[in-house]
N, C-alpha and C. Protein backbone atom coordinates (compact mmCIF):
# COMPACT_ATOMS: atom_id res chain seq x y z
N UNK A 1 -38.51 4.35 25.73
CA UNK A 1 -38.33 3.45 26.65
C UNK A 1 -39.04 2.06 25.73
N UNK A 2 -40.12 2.32 24.93
CA UNK A 2 -40.68 1.25 24.36
C UNK A 2 -39.80 0.97 23.26
N UNK A 3 -38.93 1.77 22.51
CA UNK A 3 -38.32 1.35 21.40
C UNK A 3 -37.29 0.58 21.86
N UNK A 4 -36.59 0.97 23.04
CA UNK A 4 -35.47 0.08 23.50
C UNK A 4 -36.08 -1.42 23.84
N UNK A 5 -37.22 -1.46 24.58
CA UNK A 5 -37.80 -2.73 24.63
C UNK A 5 -38.11 -3.50 23.33
N UNK A 6 -38.59 -2.80 22.44
CA UNK A 6 -38.67 -3.58 21.27
C UNK A 6 -37.44 -3.84 20.59
N UNK A 7 -36.64 -3.09 20.51
CA UNK A 7 -35.27 -3.55 20.13
C UNK A 7 -34.49 -4.77 20.87
N UNK A 8 -34.70 -4.84 22.25
CA UNK A 8 -34.23 -6.16 22.97
C UNK A 8 -35.00 -7.23 22.40
N UNK A 9 -36.25 -6.99 22.23
CA UNK A 9 -37.08 -8.19 21.78
C UNK A 9 -36.62 -8.68 20.63
N UNK A 10 -36.35 -7.66 19.76
CA UNK A 10 -36.14 -8.08 18.19
C UNK A 10 -34.58 -8.87 18.19
N UNK A 11 -33.75 -8.51 19.09
CA UNK A 11 -32.48 -8.96 19.27
C UNK A 11 -32.68 -10.42 19.91
N UNK A 12 -33.62 -10.75 20.83
CA UNK A 12 -33.73 -11.88 21.37
C UNK A 12 -34.47 -12.98 20.37
N UNK A 13 -35.11 -12.51 19.53
CA UNK A 13 -35.83 -13.54 18.79
C UNK A 13 -34.89 -13.89 17.45
N UNK A 14 -34.00 -13.95 17.26
CA UNK A 14 -33.01 -14.50 16.37
C UNK A 14 -33.23 -13.62 14.96
N UNK A 15 -34.32 -12.84 15.01
CA UNK A 15 -34.32 -12.04 13.70
C UNK A 15 -32.98 -10.97 13.67
N UNK A 16 -32.61 -10.56 14.81
CA UNK A 16 -31.56 -9.72 14.72
C UNK A 16 -29.95 -10.61 14.41
N UNK A 17 -29.97 -11.66 14.26
CA UNK A 17 -28.73 -12.43 14.16
C UNK A 17 -28.15 -12.34 12.52
N UNK A 18 -27.04 -12.18 12.60
CA UNK A 18 -26.74 -11.71 11.00
C UNK A 18 -26.44 -13.47 10.38
N UNK A 19 -26.99 -13.43 9.40
CA UNK A 19 -26.61 -14.88 8.58
C UNK A 19 -25.82 -14.53 7.50
N UNK A 20 -24.80 -15.34 7.65
CA UNK A 20 -23.71 -15.20 6.29
C UNK A 20 -24.08 -15.63 5.12
N UNK A 21 -23.61 -14.78 4.10
CA UNK A 21 -24.06 -15.03 2.95
C UNK A 21 -22.99 -15.64 2.04
N UNK A 22 -22.93 -16.66 1.45
CA UNK A 22 -21.84 -17.32 0.58
C UNK A 22 -21.87 -16.43 -0.85
N UNK A 23 -20.63 -16.03 -0.96
CA UNK A 23 -20.43 -15.25 -1.97
C UNK A 23 -20.08 -16.16 -3.55
N UNK A 24 -20.75 -15.90 -4.53
CA UNK A 24 -20.41 -16.89 -5.56
C UNK A 24 -19.27 -16.16 -6.31
N UNK A 25 -19.13 -16.74 -7.45
CA UNK A 25 -17.49 -16.79 -8.17
C UNK A 25 -17.71 -15.23 -8.72
N UNK A 26 -18.92 -14.95 -9.29
CA UNK A 26 -18.59 -13.55 -9.97
C UNK A 26 -18.43 -12.57 -8.98
N UNK A 27 -18.89 -12.52 -7.81
CA UNK A 27 -18.71 -11.30 -6.85
C UNK A 27 -17.31 -11.56 -6.33
N UNK A 28 -16.70 -12.88 -6.00
CA UNK A 28 -15.39 -12.83 -5.76
C UNK A 28 -14.45 -12.10 -7.04
N UNK A 29 -14.75 -12.76 -7.99
CA UNK A 29 -13.89 -12.15 -9.05
C UNK A 29 -13.90 -10.62 -9.66
N UNK A 30 -15.24 -9.88 -9.28
CA UNK A 30 -15.51 -8.63 -9.15
C UNK A 30 -14.58 -7.86 -8.19
N UNK A 31 -14.55 -8.44 -7.03
CA UNK A 31 -13.79 -7.93 -5.85
C UNK A 31 -12.31 -7.73 -6.06
N UNK A 32 -11.69 -9.06 -6.95
CA UNK A 32 -10.39 -8.84 -6.97
C UNK A 32 -10.10 -8.14 -8.01
N UNK A 33 -11.18 -7.88 -8.99
CA UNK A 33 -10.75 -6.93 -10.22
C UNK A 33 -10.82 -5.53 -9.67
N UNK A 34 -11.52 -5.09 -8.64
CA UNK A 34 -11.43 -3.81 -8.19
C UNK A 34 -10.18 -3.49 -7.19
N UNK A 35 -9.72 -4.41 -6.59
CA UNK A 35 -8.45 -4.24 -5.86
C UNK A 35 -7.40 -4.46 -7.00
N UNK A 36 -7.23 -5.31 -8.08
CA UNK A 36 -6.34 -5.01 -9.02
C UNK A 36 -6.17 -3.78 -9.75
N UNK A 37 -7.41 -3.12 -9.95
CA UNK A 37 -7.76 -2.02 -10.60
C UNK A 37 -7.14 -0.73 -9.65
N UNK A 38 -7.45 -0.89 -8.68
CA UNK A 38 -6.81 0.15 -7.58
C UNK A 38 -5.21 0.18 -7.37
N UNK A 39 -4.86 -1.12 -7.35
CA UNK A 39 -3.44 -1.07 -7.20
C UNK A 39 -2.76 -0.75 -8.57
N UNK A 40 -3.31 -1.02 -9.56
CA UNK A 40 -2.51 -0.59 -10.80
C UNK A 40 -2.76 1.05 -10.87
N UNK A 41 -3.66 1.49 -10.57
CA UNK A 41 -3.85 2.87 -10.60
C UNK A 41 -3.02 3.61 -9.75
N UNK A 42 -2.55 2.84 -8.23
CA UNK A 42 -1.70 3.50 -7.60
C UNK A 42 -0.49 3.58 -8.01
N UNK A 43 0.21 2.09 -8.94
CA UNK A 43 1.36 2.20 -9.44
C UNK A 43 1.75 3.14 -10.30
N UNK A 44 0.60 3.28 -11.24
CA UNK A 44 0.57 4.28 -12.24
C UNK A 44 0.83 5.38 -11.80
N UNK A 45 0.24 6.16 -10.73
CA UNK A 45 0.45 7.43 -10.29
C UNK A 45 1.74 7.54 -9.59
N UNK A 46 2.44 6.63 -8.90
CA UNK A 46 3.79 6.79 -8.50
C UNK A 46 4.58 6.71 -9.44
N UNK A 47 4.69 6.14 -10.75
CA UNK A 47 5.50 5.95 -11.57
C UNK A 47 5.22 7.33 -12.41
N UNK A 48 4.22 7.83 -12.48
CA UNK A 48 4.06 9.17 -13.59
C UNK A 48 4.56 10.28 -12.53
N UNK A 49 4.23 10.12 -11.36
CA UNK A 49 4.84 11.37 -10.30
C UNK A 49 6.41 11.27 -10.32
N UNK A 50 7.22 10.17 -10.21
CA UNK A 50 8.45 10.04 -10.34
C UNK A 50 8.69 10.24 -11.57
N UNK A 51 8.39 10.10 -12.77
CA UNK A 51 8.76 10.52 -14.02
C UNK A 51 8.69 12.03 -14.11
N UNK A 52 7.60 12.67 -13.74
CA UNK A 52 7.60 13.95 -13.76
C UNK A 52 8.49 14.83 -13.02
N UNK A 53 8.80 14.29 -11.66
CA UNK A 53 9.68 14.96 -10.61
C UNK A 53 11.04 14.70 -10.95
N UNK A 54 11.47 13.94 -11.92
CA UNK A 54 12.86 13.23 -12.06
C UNK A 54 13.68 14.74 -12.83
N UNK A 55 12.88 15.47 -13.65
CA UNK A 55 13.47 16.43 -14.37
C UNK A 55 13.81 17.75 -13.11
N UNK A 56 13.25 17.86 -12.16
CA UNK A 56 13.53 19.02 -11.05
C UNK A 56 14.40 18.65 -10.05
N UNK A 57 15.00 17.49 -10.20
CA UNK A 57 16.26 16.89 -9.22
C UNK A 57 17.60 17.91 -9.78
N UNK A 58 18.08 18.18 -8.70
CA UNK A 58 19.26 19.15 -8.88
C UNK A 58 20.58 18.35 -9.87
N UNK A 59 20.71 17.02 -9.41
CA UNK A 59 21.76 16.45 -10.13
C UNK A 59 21.27 14.92 -10.04
N UNK A 60 20.99 14.37 -11.15
CA UNK A 60 20.43 12.86 -11.07
C UNK A 60 21.21 12.05 -10.83
N UNK A 61 22.92 12.43 -11.25
CA UNK A 61 23.76 11.44 -10.83
C UNK A 61 23.98 11.20 -9.44
N UNK A 62 24.14 12.38 -8.82
CA UNK A 62 24.00 12.31 -7.50
C UNK A 62 23.06 11.34 -6.86
N UNK A 63 21.49 11.48 -7.14
CA UNK A 63 20.71 10.49 -6.62
C UNK A 63 20.89 9.37 -7.13
N UNK A 64 21.30 8.79 -8.07
CA UNK A 64 21.60 7.41 -8.64
C UNK A 64 22.72 6.91 -7.78
N UNK A 65 23.91 7.55 -7.54
CA UNK A 65 24.76 7.21 -6.56
C UNK A 65 24.48 7.04 -5.29
N UNK A 66 23.53 7.98 -4.55
CA UNK A 66 23.00 7.62 -3.37
C UNK A 66 21.98 6.34 -3.47
N UNK A 67 21.18 6.17 -4.19
CA UNK A 67 20.57 5.09 -4.07
C UNK A 67 21.13 3.42 -4.34
N UNK A 68 22.31 3.80 -5.44
CA UNK A 68 22.89 2.36 -5.89
C UNK A 68 24.43 2.57 -6.13
N UNK A 69 24.97 2.72 -4.79
CA UNK A 69 26.67 3.12 -4.62
C UNK A 69 27.48 1.94 -5.26
N UNK A 70 28.37 2.15 -6.20
CA UNK A 70 29.05 0.96 -6.34
C UNK A 70 30.37 0.87 -5.41
N UNK A 71 31.20 -0.12 -5.40
CA UNK A 71 32.14 -0.31 -4.42
C UNK A 71 33.21 0.77 -4.31
N UNK A 72 33.53 1.12 -5.67
CA UNK A 72 34.68 2.14 -5.81
C UNK A 72 33.87 3.43 -4.97
N UNK A 73 32.77 3.85 -5.32
CA UNK A 73 32.26 5.02 -4.86
C UNK A 73 32.00 4.84 -3.03
N UNK A 74 31.78 3.76 -2.79
CA UNK A 74 31.46 3.54 -1.54
C UNK A 74 32.93 3.67 -0.55
N UNK A 75 33.91 3.19 -1.20
CA UNK A 75 35.21 3.28 -0.51
C UNK A 75 35.72 4.80 -0.86
N UNK A 76 35.40 5.39 -1.72
CA UNK A 76 35.92 6.92 -1.60
C UNK A 76 35.02 7.71 -0.52
N UNK A 77 33.76 7.34 -0.62
CA UNK A 77 32.91 8.03 0.50
C UNK A 77 33.12 7.62 1.89
N UNK A 78 34.00 6.88 2.24
CA UNK A 78 34.23 6.35 3.51
C UNK A 78 33.31 5.22 4.11
N UNK A 79 32.37 4.61 3.37
CA UNK A 79 31.27 3.51 4.03
C UNK A 79 32.28 2.46 4.42
N UNK A 80 33.19 2.04 3.76
CA UNK A 80 33.55 0.82 4.21
C UNK A 80 34.56 1.28 5.50
N UNK A 81 35.26 2.07 5.36
CA UNK A 81 35.88 2.41 6.86
C UNK A 81 34.80 2.89 7.87
N UNK A 82 33.82 3.23 7.51
CA UNK A 82 33.05 3.54 8.96
C UNK A 82 32.36 2.06 9.23
N UNK A 83 31.84 1.23 8.11
CA UNK A 83 31.22 0.08 8.39
C UNK A 83 32.22 -0.92 9.21
N UNK A 84 33.61 -1.09 8.83
CA UNK A 84 34.77 -1.77 9.32
C UNK A 84 35.26 -1.32 10.91
N UNK A 85 34.59 -0.03 11.16
CA UNK A 85 35.30 0.65 12.30
C UNK A 85 36.72 1.14 12.20
N UNK A 86 37.35 1.23 10.89
CA UNK A 86 38.77 1.77 10.80
C UNK A 86 38.79 3.23 11.08
């Protein structure tokens, strides 16, 4: 009980108030460097994972056709007919 009263007293006396600290230029640069390093590491892992898994795909041509079909492949597959309601 006494600890709770001391805590309330501490909070009421402005000692518990958080004072914002201005960051200097070095601290901001370090923070952005860590963020950029994390993003570069994540991008590197994604690229390496895709590169390593590419050989395990059954047919790489089919994957490329699915990701970026040309107009002829879209017509052959019936995409135009489906989109135009024919």
